[in-house]
Amino acid sequence: MSGLLRGSELQSTLQQVSNQLLTSLNNGVEDIATLWTPQTCPEPLLPWLAWSQSVQEWDEQWSLDLKRQVVANSFDQHRHLGTRYAITKALQPFNLGAQITEWFEHSPMREAGTFHVDVYVSNQGIDLPLIQETRRRIDSVKRKSVDYSIQMHLQGNLGVATTGVFCSSTMTTIFPLS
């Protein structure tokens, strides 16, 4: 900017001052891009990013990784809102598996416009707060025009340790030749 204005001393001074101000304002411009991605957003600003992305449920008690995962999933989830995929993705960050069966997939067919969700829980017990939380998550992403039933299943991952021992021996007796 120094060569733009050739004139009075006042113009030169104004040019220098404005150049200093604009330089200081431009210093943080590169950081703005990091605010819009869940992986690089600073932790104190993460709730605001979640709000801007219309995250339906937010809990300050969640771990930082879970918060980032919920915000990251919201981009994709809103694209598929009201589908099986959205329900499955809503439960996934909380280690809840889901199998969804719609009314026409049952034999005999169930009431039209309904579906059933089998939720698989592992690494924790099933209690009333978990059931209510699961229903809230499903309600926030399902089509509003359909009703559903839910069944919770507790899964246990058993690691069966097996060991085998094989022993063999041979006994040889040598007698003198007599």
C-alpha atoms as a PDB file:
ATOM      1  CA  MET A   1       0.000   0.000   0.000  1.00  0.00           C
ATOM      2  CA  SER A   2       2.966   2.282   0.422  1.00  0.00           C
ATOM      3  CA  GLY A   3       3.098   3.273  -3.238  1.00  0.00           C
ATOM      4  CA  LEU A   4      -0.603   3.951  -3.743  1.00  0.00           C
ATOM      5  CA  LEU A   5      -0.807   7.452  -2.369  1.00  0.00           C
ATOM      6  CA  ARG A   6       1.773  10.064  -3.239  1.00  0.00           C
ATOM      7  CA  GLY A   7       0.738  13.234  -1.595  1.00  0.00           C
ATOM      8  CA  SER A   8       0.723  15.073   1.684  1.00  0.00           C
ATOM      9  CA  GLU A   9       2.281  13.979   4.938  1.00  0.00           C
ATOM     10  CA  LEU A  10      -1.228  13.428   6.395  1.00  0.00           C
ATOM     11  CA  GLN A  11      -2.044  10.964   3.637  1.00  0.00           C
ATOM     12  CA  SER A  12       1.208   9.120   4.245  1.00  0.00           C
ATOM     13  CA  THR A  13       0.533   8.897   7.998  1.00  0.00           C
ATOM     14  CA  LEU A  14      -3.047   7.692   7.423  1.00  0.00           C
ATOM     15  CA  GLN A  15      -1.747   5.096   5.017  1.00  0.00           C
ATOM     16  CA  GLN A  16       0.782   3.758   7.558  1.00  0.00           C
ATOM     17  CA  VAL A  17      -1.759   3.632  10.403  1.00  0.00           C
ATOM     18  CA  SER A  18      -4.391   1.881   8.285  1.00  0.00           C
ATOM     19  CA  ASN A  19      -1.765  -0.592   7.054  1.00  0.00           C
ATOM     20  CA  GLN A  20      -0.861  -1.481  10.675  1.00  0.00           C
ATOM     21  CA  LEU A  21      -4.526  -1.886  11.639  1.00  0.00           C
ATOM     22  CA  LEU A  22      -5.365  -4.079   8.661  1.00  0.00           C
ATOM     23  CA  THR A  23      -2.296  -6.242   9.225  1.00  0.00           C
ATOM     24  CA  SER A  24      -3.308  -6.904  12.841  1.00  0.00           C
ATOM     25  CA  LEU A  25      -6.872  -7.720  11.744  1.00  0.00           C
ATOM     26  CA  ASN A  26      -5.679 -10.197   9.123  1.00  0.00           C
ATOM     27  CA  ASN A  27      -3.510 -12.164  11.565  1.00  0.00           C
ATOM     28  CA  GLY A  28      -6.364 -14.411  12.765  1.00  0.00           C
ATOM     29  CA  VAL A  29      -8.084 -14.982   9.423  1.00  0.00           C
ATOM     30  CA  GLU A  30      -6.449 -18.392   8.879  1.00  0.00           C
ATOM     31  CA  ASP A  31      -7.846 -19.615  12.218  1.00  0.00           C
ATOM     32  CA  ILE A  32     -11.472 -19.085  11.178  1.00  0.00           C
ATOM     33  CA  ALA A  33     -11.470 -22.195   8.986  1.00  0.00           C
ATOM     34  CA  THR A  34     -10.584 -24.369  11.998  1.00  0.00           C
ATOM     35  CA  LEU A  35     -13.755 -23.279  13.802  1.00  0.00           C
ATOM     36  CA  TRP A  36     -16.015 -25.059  11.295  1.00  0.00           C
ATOM     37  CA  THR A  37     -14.556 -28.555  11.495  1.00  0.00           C
ATOM     38  CA  PRO A  38     -15.291 -30.760  14.521  1.00  0.00           C
ATOM     39  CA  GLN A  39     -11.761 -32.200  14.673  1.00  0.00           C
ATOM     40  CA  THR A  40      -9.995 -28.807  14.871  1.00  0.00           C
ATOM     41  CA  CYS A  41     -12.569 -26.641  16.645  1.00  0.00           C
ATOM     42  CA  PRO A  42     -11.348 -25.545  20.115  1.00  0.00           C
ATOM     43  CA  GLU A  43     -13.185 -27.350  22.908  1.00  0.00           C
ATOM     44  CA  PRO A  44     -14.841 -24.224  24.420  1.00  0.00           C
ATOM     45  CA  LEU A  45     -16.387 -23.396  21.017  1.00  0.00           C
ATOM     46  CA  LEU A  46     -17.587 -26.938  20.263  1.00  0.00           C
ATOM     47  CA  PRO A  47     -21.101 -26.384  21.738  1.00  0.00           C
ATOM     48  CA  TRP A  48     -21.541 -23.411  19.395  1.00  0.00           C
ATOM     49  CA  LEU A  49     -20.479 -25.495  16.410  1.00  0.00           C
ATOM     50  CA  ALA A  50     -22.975 -28.152  17.502  1.00  0.00           C
ATOM     51  CA  TRP A  51     -25.695 -25.510  17.767  1.00  0.00           C
ATOM     52  CA  SER A  52     -24.882 -24.147  14.303  1.00  0.00           C
ATOM     53  CA  GLN A  53     -25.144 -27.667  12.863  1.00  0.00           C
ATOM     54  CA  SER A  54     -28.505 -28.306  14.607  1.00  0.00           C
ATOM     55  CA  VAL A  55     -27.260 -31.116  16.813  1.00  0.00           C
ATOM     56  CA  GLN A  56     -30.436 -32.313  18.522  1.00  0.00           C
ATOM     57  CA  GLU A  57     -28.945 -33.485  21.799  1.00  0.00           C
ATOM     58  CA  TRP A  58     -25.890 -32.198  23.653  1.00  0.00           C
ATOM     59  CA  ASP A  59     -24.483 -33.106  27.047  1.00  0.00           C
ATOM     60  CA  GLU A  60     -21.529 -31.324  28.627  1.00  0.00           C
ATOM     61  CA  GLN A  61     -20.697 -34.533  30.529  1.00  0.00           C
ATOM     62  CA  TRP A  62     -19.754 -36.362  27.313  1.00  0.00           C
ATOM     63  CA  SER A  63     -16.093 -36.939  26.565  1.00  0.00           C
ATOM     64  CA  LEU A  64     -14.377 -34.630  24.081  1.00  0.00           C
ATOM     65  CA  ASP A  65     -14.082 -37.434  21.507  1.00  0.00           C
ATOM     66  CA  LEU A  66     -17.802 -38.205  21.778  1.00  0.00           C
ATOM     67  CA  LYS A  67     -18.721 -34.522  21.377  1.00  0.00           C
ATOM     68  CA  ARG A  68     -16.579 -34.244  18.256  1.00  0.00           C
ATOM     69  CA  GLN A  69     -18.052 -37.466  16.850  1.00  0.00           C
ATOM     70  CA  VAL A  70     -21.645 -36.294  17.443  1.00  0.00           C
ATOM     71  CA  VAL A  71     -20.977 -33.005  15.629  1.00  0.00           C
ATOM     72  CA  ALA A  72     -19.181 -34.791  12.776  1.00  0.00           C
ATOM     73  CA  ASN A  73     -22.072 -37.243  12.404  1.00  0.00           C
ATOM     74  CA  SER A  74     -24.630 -34.424  12.313  1.00  0.00           C
ATOM     75  CA  PHE A  75     -23.465 -33.298   8.859  1.00  0.00           C
ATOM     76  CA  ASP A  76     -24.289 -36.701   7.383  1.00  0.00           C
ATOM     77  CA  GLN A  77     -27.261 -37.336   9.646  1.00  0.00           C
ATOM     78  CA  HIS A  78     -29.193 -34.270   8.491  1.00  0.00           C
ATOM     79  CA  ARG A  79     -28.751 -35.364   4.909  1.00  0.00           C
ATOM     80  CA  HIS A  80     -30.461 -38.678   5.713  1.00  0.00           C
ATOM     81  CA  LEU A  81     -32.970 -37.502   8.335  1.00  0.00           C
ATOM     82  CA  GLY A  82     -35.983 -39.817   8.628  1.00  0.00           C
ATOM     83  CA  THR A  83     -34.220 -42.924   7.295  1.00  0.00           C
ATOM     84  CA  ARG A  84     -32.921 -46.139   8.833  1.00  0.00           C
ATOM     85  CA  TYR A  85     -29.415 -44.828   8.309  1.00  0.00           C
ATOM     86  CA  ALA A  86     -30.128 -41.732  10.417  1.00  0.00           C
ATOM     87  CA  ILE A  87     -31.417 -43.850  13.307  1.00  0.00           C
ATOM     88  CA  THR A  88     -28.418 -46.167  13.163  1.00  0.00           C
ATOM     89  CA  LYS A  89     -25.982 -43.234  12.994  1.00  0.00           C
ATOM     90  CA  ALA A  90     -27.718 -41.469  15.910  1.00  0.00           C
ATOM     91  CA  LEU A  91     -27.121 -44.481  18.164  1.00  0.00           C
ATOM     92  CA  GLN A  92     -23.653 -45.404  16.907  1.00  0.00           C
ATOM     93  CA  PRO A  93     -21.513 -42.891  18.887  1.00  0.00           C
ATOM     94  CA  PHE A  94     -23.005 -44.269  22.116  1.00  0.00           C
ATOM     95  CA  ASN A  95     -22.045 -47.887  21.335  1.00  0.00           C
ATOM     96  CA  LEU A  96     -25.642 -48.870  20.661  1.00  0.00           C
ATOM     97  CA  GLY A  97     -26.283 -51.104  17.672  1.00  0.00           C
ATOM     98  CA  ALA A  98     -29.663 -51.058  15.960  1.00  0.00           C
ATOM     99  CA  GLN A  99     -31.579 -53.340  13.649  1.00  0.00           C
ATOM    100  CA  ILE A 100     -34.671 -51.719  12.152  1.00  0.00           C
ATOM    101  CA  THR A 101     -37.598 -53.662  10.718  1.00  0.00           C
ATOM    102  CA  GLU A 102     -40.440 -51.835   8.970  1.00  0.00           C
ATOM    103  CA  TRP A 103     -44.080 -52.902   9.070  1.00  0.00           C
ATOM    104  CA  PHE A 104     -44.078 -54.646   5.679  1.00  0.00           C
ATOM    105  CA  GLU A 105     -41.020 -56.762   6.571  1.00  0.00           C
ATOM    106  CA  HIS A 106     -42.841 -58.606   9.363  1.00  0.00           C
ATOM    107  CA  SER A 107     -44.831 -61.759   8.838  1.00  0.00           C
ATOM    108  CA  PRO A 108     -47.716 -61.205   9.311  1.00  0.00           C
ATOM    109  CA  MET A 109     -47.515 -57.534   8.354  1.00  0.00           C
ATOM    110  CA  ARG A 110     -47.888 -55.028  11.136  1.00  0.00           C
ATOM    111  CA  GLU A 111     -49.823 -51.785  11.116  1.00  0.00           C
ATOM    112  CA  ALA A 112     -48.869 -49.630   8.129  1.00  0.00           C
ATOM    113  CA  GLY A 113     -46.452 -46.790   8.845  1.00  0.00           C
ATOM    114  CA  THR A 114     -44.779 -48.394  11.855  1.00  0.00           C
ATOM    115  CA  PHE A 115     -41.375 -49.895  12.469  1.00  0.00           C
ATOM    116  CA  HIS A 116     -39.580 -51.860  15.166  1.00  0.00           C
ATOM    117  CA  VAL A 117     -36.098 -51.138  16.506  1.00  0.00           C
ATOM    118  CA  ASP A 118     -33.966 -53.795  18.153  1.00  0.00           C
ATOM    119  CA  VAL A 119     -31.261 -51.958  20.098  1.00  0.00           C
ATOM    120  CA  TYR A 120     -28.172 -53.910  21.094  1.00  0.00           C
ATOM    121  CA  VAL A 121     -26.376 -52.717  24.217  1.00  0.00           C
ATOM    122  CA  SER A 122     -22.905 -53.833  25.205  1.00  0.00           C
ATOM    123  CA  ASN A 123     -20.362 -52.555  27.738  1.00  0.00           C
ATOM    124  CA  GLN A 124     -23.122 -51.248  30.032  1.00  0.00           C
ATOM    125  CA  GLY A 125     -26.336 -52.348  31.674  1.00  0.00           C
ATOM    126  CA  ILE A 126     -29.858 -51.519  30.572  1.00  0.00           C
ATOM    127  CA  ASP A 127     -31.700 -49.136  32.881  1.00  0.00           C
ATOM    128  CA  LEU A 128     -34.534 -46.612  32.606  1.00  0.00           C
ATOM    129  CA  PRO A 129     -32.301 -43.578  31.836  1.00  0.00           C
ATOM    130  CA  LEU A 130     -30.657 -45.499  28.965  1.00  0.00           C
ATOM    131  CA  ILE A 131     -34.052 -46.468  27.528  1.00  0.00           C
ATOM    132  CA  GLN A 132     -35.304 -42.871  27.755  1.00  0.00           C
ATOM    133  CA  GLU A 133     -32.096 -41.559  26.198  1.00  0.00           C
ATOM    134  CA  THR A 134     -32.346 -44.077  23.350  1.00  0.00           C
ATOM    135  CA  ARG A 135     -35.978 -43.134  22.674  1.00  0.00           C
ATOM    136  CA  ARG A 136     -35.049 -39.422  22.617  1.00  0.00           C
ATOM    137  CA  ARG A 137     -32.305 -40.072  20.075  1.00  0.00           C
ATOM    138  CA  ILE A 138     -34.606 -42.121  17.860  1.00  0.00           C
ATOM    139  CA  ASP A 139     -37.413 -39.541  18.162  1.00  0.00           C
ATOM    140  CA  SER A 140     -35.088 -36.756  17.049  1.00  0.00           C
ATOM    141  CA  VAL A 141     -34.136 -38.444  13.746  1.00  0.00           C
ATOM    142  CA  LYS A 142     -37.115 -40.582  12.728  1.00  0.00           C
ATOM    143  CA  ARG A 143     -39.910 -39.471  10.418  1.00  0.00           C
ATOM    144  CA  LYS A 144     -42.471 -37.686  12.565  1.00  0.00           C
ATOM    145  CA  SER A 145     -45.371 -39.427  10.810  1.00  0.00           C
ATOM    146  CA  VAL A 146     -44.465 -42.953  11.961  1.00  0.00           C
ATOM    147  CA  ASP A 147     -44.767 -44.808  15.248  1.00  0.00           C
ATOM    148  CA  TYR A 148     -42.329 -47.410  16.462  1.00  0.00           C
ATOM    149  CA  SER A 149     -41.708 -50.036  19.095  1.00  0.00           C
ATOM    150  CA  ILE A 150     -38.369 -50.659  20.709  1.00  0.00           C
ATOM    151  CA  GLN A 151     -36.737 -53.674  22.271  1.00  0.00           C
ATOM    152  CA  MET A 152     -33.434 -53.495  24.127  1.00  0.00           C
ATOM    153  CA  HIS A 153     -31.026 -56.443  23.984  1.00  0.00           C
ATOM    154  CA  LEU A 154     -28.047 -56.864  26.257  1.00  0.00           C
ATOM    155  CA  GLN A 155     -25.052 -58.315  24.448  1.00  0.00           C
ATOM    156  CA  GLY A 156     -22.113 -59.860  26.139  1.00  0.00           C
ATOM    157  CA  ASN A 157     -18.839 -60.450  24.411  1.00  0.00           C
ATOM    158  CA  LEU A 158     -17.388 -63.549  25.962  1.00  0.00           C
ATOM    159  CA  GLY A 159     -13.827 -64.372  25.212  1.00  0.00           C
ATOM    160  CA  VAL A 160     -13.402 -68.092  25.579  1.00  0.00           C
ATOM    161  CA  ALA A 161      -9.856 -68.980  26.379  1.00  0.00           C
ATOM    162  CA  THR A 162      -8.852 -72.444  25.311  1.00  0.00           C
ATOM    163  CA  THR A 163      -5.625 -74.222  25.952  1.00  0.00           C
ATOM    164  CA  GLY A 164      -4.459 -77.618  24.998  1.00  0.00           C
ATOM    165  CA  VAL A 165      -1.660 -79.722  26.340  1.00  0.00           C
ATOM    166  CA  PHE A 166      -0.266 -82.714  24.563  1.00  0.00           C
ATOM    167  CA  CYS A 167       2.045 -84.997  26.440  1.00  0.00           C
ATOM    168  CA  SER A 168       3.850 -87.920  24.932  1.00  0.00           C
ATOM    169  CA  SER A 169       6.390 -90.286  26.313  1.00  0.00           C
ATOM    170  CA  THR A 170       8.135 -93.406  25.213  1.00  0.00           C
ATOM    171  CA  MET A 171       9.690 -95.925  27.525  1.00  0.00           C
ATOM    172  CA  THR A 172      12.389 -98.167  26.184  1.00  0.00           C
ATOM    173  CA  THR A 173      13.921-100.931  28.216  1.00  0.00           C
ATOM    174  CA  ILE A 174      17.132-102.603  27.065  1.00  0.00           C
ATOM    175  CA  PHE A 175      18.036-105.966  28.506  1.00  0.00           C
ATOM    176  CA  PRO A 176      21.372-107.695  28.138  1.00  0.00           C
ATOM    177  CA  LEU A 177      21.524-110.516  25.645  1.00  0.00           C
ATOM    178  CA  SER A 178      21.876-113.614  27.694  1.00  0.00           C
END
